[in-house]
């Protein structure tokens, strides 16, 4: 298995574990991920900002929702680490990490 695919599968597993830890349904988790993505939209790359600028959540492509889910996972991990050392998080870095995990496979 390619290292990128293995990292991707591990990320999906981590999303599931966090979602279950928070006691959320898949739909609630996705809505929360989109909400956090919206809150940090200004720090997202322009192509992600454009994709998030829709009137209805039902119009978001599946891959964009996945990017939002991975962004939330990365954001939570960054917040936990930052909290332990008294540092600030960088949402732009979280977006870059999320897109790296996705592997640039988001639709254009």
C-alpha atoms as a PDB file:
ATOM      1  CA  UNK A   1       0.000   0.000   0.000  1.00  0.00           C
ATOM      2  CA  UNK A   2       1.328   3.430  -0.916  1.00  0.00           C
ATOM      3  CA  UNK A   3       2.349   5.558   2.095  1.00  0.00           C
ATOM      4  CA  UNK A   4      -0.098   8.328   1.092  1.00  0.00           C
ATOM      5  CA  UNK A   5      -3.022   5.903   0.940  1.00  0.00           C
ATOM      6  CA  UNK A   6      -2.053   4.382   4.287  1.00  0.00           C
ATOM      7  CA  UNK A   7      -1.928   7.869   5.906  1.00  0.00           C
ATOM      8  CA  UNK A   8      -5.296   8.670   4.348  1.00  0.00           C
ATOM      9  CA  UNK A   9      -6.883   5.485   5.743  1.00  0.00           C
ATOM     10  CA  UNK A  10      -5.402   6.174   9.185  1.00  0.00           C
ATOM     11  CA  UNK A  11      -6.884   9.666   9.062  1.00  0.00           C
ATOM     12  CA  UNK A  12     -10.346   8.318   8.248  1.00  0.00           C
ATOM     13  CA  UNK A  13     -10.001   5.945  11.210  1.00  0.00           C
ATOM     14  CA  UNK A  14      -9.031   8.860  13.476  1.00  0.00           C
ATOM     15  CA  UNK A  15     -12.052  10.833  12.292  1.00  0.00           C
ATOM     16  CA  UNK A  16     -14.312   7.921  13.205  1.00  0.00           C
ATOM     17  CA  UNK A  17     -12.724   7.588  16.645  1.00  0.00           C
ATOM     18  CA  UNK A  18     -13.082  11.315  17.386  1.00  0.00           C
ATOM     19  CA  UNK A  19     -16.661  11.349  16.114  1.00  0.00           C
ATOM     20  CA  UNK A  20     -17.517   8.424  18.387  1.00  0.00           C
ATOM     21  CA  UNK A  21     -15.663   9.976  21.340  1.00  0.00           C
ATOM     22  CA  UNK A  22     -17.786  13.096  20.919  1.00  0.00           C
ATOM     23  CA  UNK A  23     -20.940  10.949  20.569  1.00  0.00           C
ATOM     24  CA  UNK A  24     -21.938  12.425  17.215  1.00  0.00           C
ATOM     25  CA  UNK A  25     -23.745  10.876  14.293  1.00  0.00           C
ATOM     26  CA  UNK A  26     -21.971  11.043  10.951  1.00  0.00           C
ATOM     27  CA  UNK A  27     -24.357  13.771   9.776  1.00  0.00           C
ATOM     28  CA  UNK A  28     -23.840  15.865  12.936  1.00  0.00           C
ATOM     29  CA  UNK A  29     -20.070  15.424  12.645  1.00  0.00           C
ATOM     30  CA  UNK A  30     -20.132  16.584   9.036  1.00  0.00           C
ATOM     31  CA  UNK A  31     -22.247  19.626   9.934  1.00  0.00           C
ATOM     32  CA  UNK A  32     -19.804  20.463  12.742  1.00  0.00           C
ATOM     33  CA  UNK A  33     -16.835  20.041  10.392  1.00  0.00           C
ATOM     34  CA  UNK A  34     -18.429  22.347   7.846  1.00  0.00           C
ATOM     35  CA  UNK A  35     -19.216  24.849  10.610  1.00  0.00           C
ATOM     36  CA  UNK A  36     -15.612  24.915  11.817  1.00  0.00           C
ATOM     37  CA  UNK A  37     -14.413  25.183   8.222  1.00  0.00           C
ATOM     38  CA  UNK A  38     -16.733  28.161   7.761  1.00  0.00           C
ATOM     39  CA  UNK A  39     -15.381  29.785  10.940  1.00  0.00           C
ATOM     40  CA  UNK A  40     -11.838  29.492   9.565  1.00  0.00           C
ATOM     41  CA  UNK A  41     -12.665  30.099   5.908  1.00  0.00           C
ATOM     42  CA  UNK A  42     -10.572  33.281   5.730  1.00  0.00           C
ATOM     43  CA  UNK A  43      -7.423  31.251   6.462  1.00  0.00           C
ATOM     44  CA  UNK A  44      -8.261  28.584   3.862  1.00  0.00           C
ATOM     45  CA  UNK A  45      -6.704  28.501   0.394  1.00  0.00           C
ATOM     46  CA  UNK A  46      -8.763  30.439  -2.196  1.00  0.00           C
ATOM     47  CA  UNK A  47     -10.123  27.299  -3.876  1.00  0.00           C
ATOM     48  CA  UNK A  48     -11.503  26.057  -0.557  1.00  0.00           C
ATOM     49  CA  UNK A  49     -12.960  29.478   0.244  1.00  0.00           C
ATOM     50  CA  UNK A  50     -14.780  29.404  -3.079  1.00  0.00           C
ATOM     51  CA  UNK A  51     -16.151  25.916  -2.457  1.00  0.00           C
ATOM     52  CA  UNK A  52     -17.444  26.874   0.970  1.00  0.00           C
ATOM     53  CA  UNK A  53     -19.329  29.863  -0.449  1.00  0.00           C
ATOM     54  CA  UNK A  54     -22.549  27.969  -1.180  1.00  0.00           C
ATOM     55  CA  UNK A  55     -26.062  28.774  -0.033  1.00  0.00           C
ATOM     56  CA  UNK A  56     -26.956  25.250   1.082  1.00  0.00           C
ATOM     57  CA  UNK A  57     -24.878  22.526   2.683  1.00  0.00           C
ATOM     58  CA  UNK A  58     -26.490  19.999   0.371  1.00  0.00           C
ATOM     59  CA  UNK A  59     -24.665  21.685  -2.518  1.00  0.00           C
ATOM     60  CA  UNK A  60     -21.219  20.917  -1.087  1.00  0.00           C
ATOM     61  CA  UNK A  61     -19.422  18.156  -3.003  1.00  0.00           C
ATOM     62  CA  UNK A  62     -18.555  15.039  -1.002  1.00  0.00           C
ATOM     63  CA  UNK A  63     -14.832  15.683  -1.394  1.00  0.00           C
ATOM     64  CA  UNK A  64     -15.209  19.199   0.038  1.00  0.00           C
ATOM     65  CA  UNK A  65     -17.056  17.780   3.044  1.00  0.00           C
ATOM     66  CA  UNK A  66     -14.223  15.286   3.520  1.00  0.00           C
ATOM     67  CA  UNK A  67     -11.669  18.116   3.436  1.00  0.00           C
ATOM     68  CA  UNK A  68     -13.729  19.895   6.120  1.00  0.00           C
ATOM     69  CA  UNK A  69     -13.773  16.720   8.231  1.00  0.00           C
ATOM     70  CA  UNK A  70     -10.009  16.324   7.950  1.00  0.00           C
ATOM     71  CA  UNK A  71      -9.549  20.032   8.705  1.00  0.00           C
ATOM     72  CA  UNK A  72     -11.563  19.630  11.929  1.00  0.00           C
ATOM     73  CA  UNK A  73      -9.504  16.591  12.940  1.00  0.00           C
ATOM     74  CA  UNK A  74      -6.262  18.505  12.332  1.00  0.00           C
ATOM     75  CA  UNK A  75      -7.629  21.576  14.123  1.00  0.00           C
ATOM     76  CA  UNK A  76      -8.606  19.547  17.208  1.00  0.00           C
ATOM     77  CA  UNK A  77      -5.180  17.884  17.325  1.00  0.00           C
ATOM     78  CA  UNK A  78      -3.459  21.266  16.951  1.00  0.00           C
ATOM     79  CA  UNK A  79      -5.597  22.788  19.703  1.00  0.00           C
ATOM     80  CA  UNK A  80      -4.812  19.908  22.059  1.00  0.00           C
ATOM     81  CA  UNK A  81      -1.074  20.270  21.428  1.00  0.00           C
ATOM     82  CA  UNK A  82      -1.148  24.065  21.619  1.00  0.00           C
ATOM     83  CA  UNK A  83      -3.112  23.978  24.866  1.00  0.00           C
ATOM     84  CA  UNK A  84      -0.529  21.696  26.469  1.00  0.00           C
ATOM     85  CA  UNK A  85       2.289  24.162  25.744  1.00  0.00           C
ATOM     86  CA  UNK A  86       0.354  27.420  25.939  1.00  0.00           C
ATOM     87  CA  UNK A  87       0.661  28.241  22.255  1.00  0.00           C
ATOM     88  CA  UNK A  88      -1.718  29.545  19.602  1.00  0.00           C
ATOM     89  CA  UNK A  89      -2.924  27.483  16.665  1.00  0.00           C
ATOM     90  CA  UNK A  90      -2.500  28.508  13.046  1.00  0.00           C
ATOM     91  CA  UNK A  91      -5.692  27.668  11.116  1.00  0.00           C
ATOM     92  CA  UNK A  92      -3.907  28.276   7.786  1.00  0.00           C
ATOM     93  CA  UNK A  93      -1.371  25.579   8.718  1.00  0.00           C
ATOM     94  CA  UNK A  94      -4.261  23.270   9.645  1.00  0.00           C
ATOM     95  CA  UNK A  95      -5.780  23.826   6.191  1.00  0.00           C
ATOM     96  CA  UNK A  96      -2.433  23.063   4.535  1.00  0.00           C
ATOM     97  CA  UNK A  97      -2.101  19.876   6.573  1.00  0.00           C
ATOM     98  CA  UNK A  98      -5.644  18.786   5.727  1.00  0.00           C
ATOM     99  CA  UNK A  99      -5.026  19.323   2.022  1.00  0.00           C
ATOM    100  CA  UNK A 100      -1.731  17.441   2.242  1.00  0.00           C
ATOM    101  CA  UNK A 101      -3.563  14.491   3.818  1.00  0.00           C
ATOM    102  CA  UNK A 102      -6.176  14.566   1.078  1.00  0.00           C
ATOM    103  CA  UNK A 103      -3.279  14.593  -1.348  1.00  0.00           C
ATOM    104  CA  UNK A 104      -4.456  17.415  -3.547  1.00  0.00           C
ATOM    105  CA  UNK A 105      -7.255  15.209  -4.889  1.00  0.00           C
ATOM    106  CA  UNK A 106      -9.937  17.826  -4.320  1.00  0.00           C
ATOM    107  CA  UNK A 107     -12.006  18.801  -7.335  1.00  0.00           C
ATOM    108  CA  UNK A 108     -11.141  22.042  -9.097  1.00  0.00           C
END
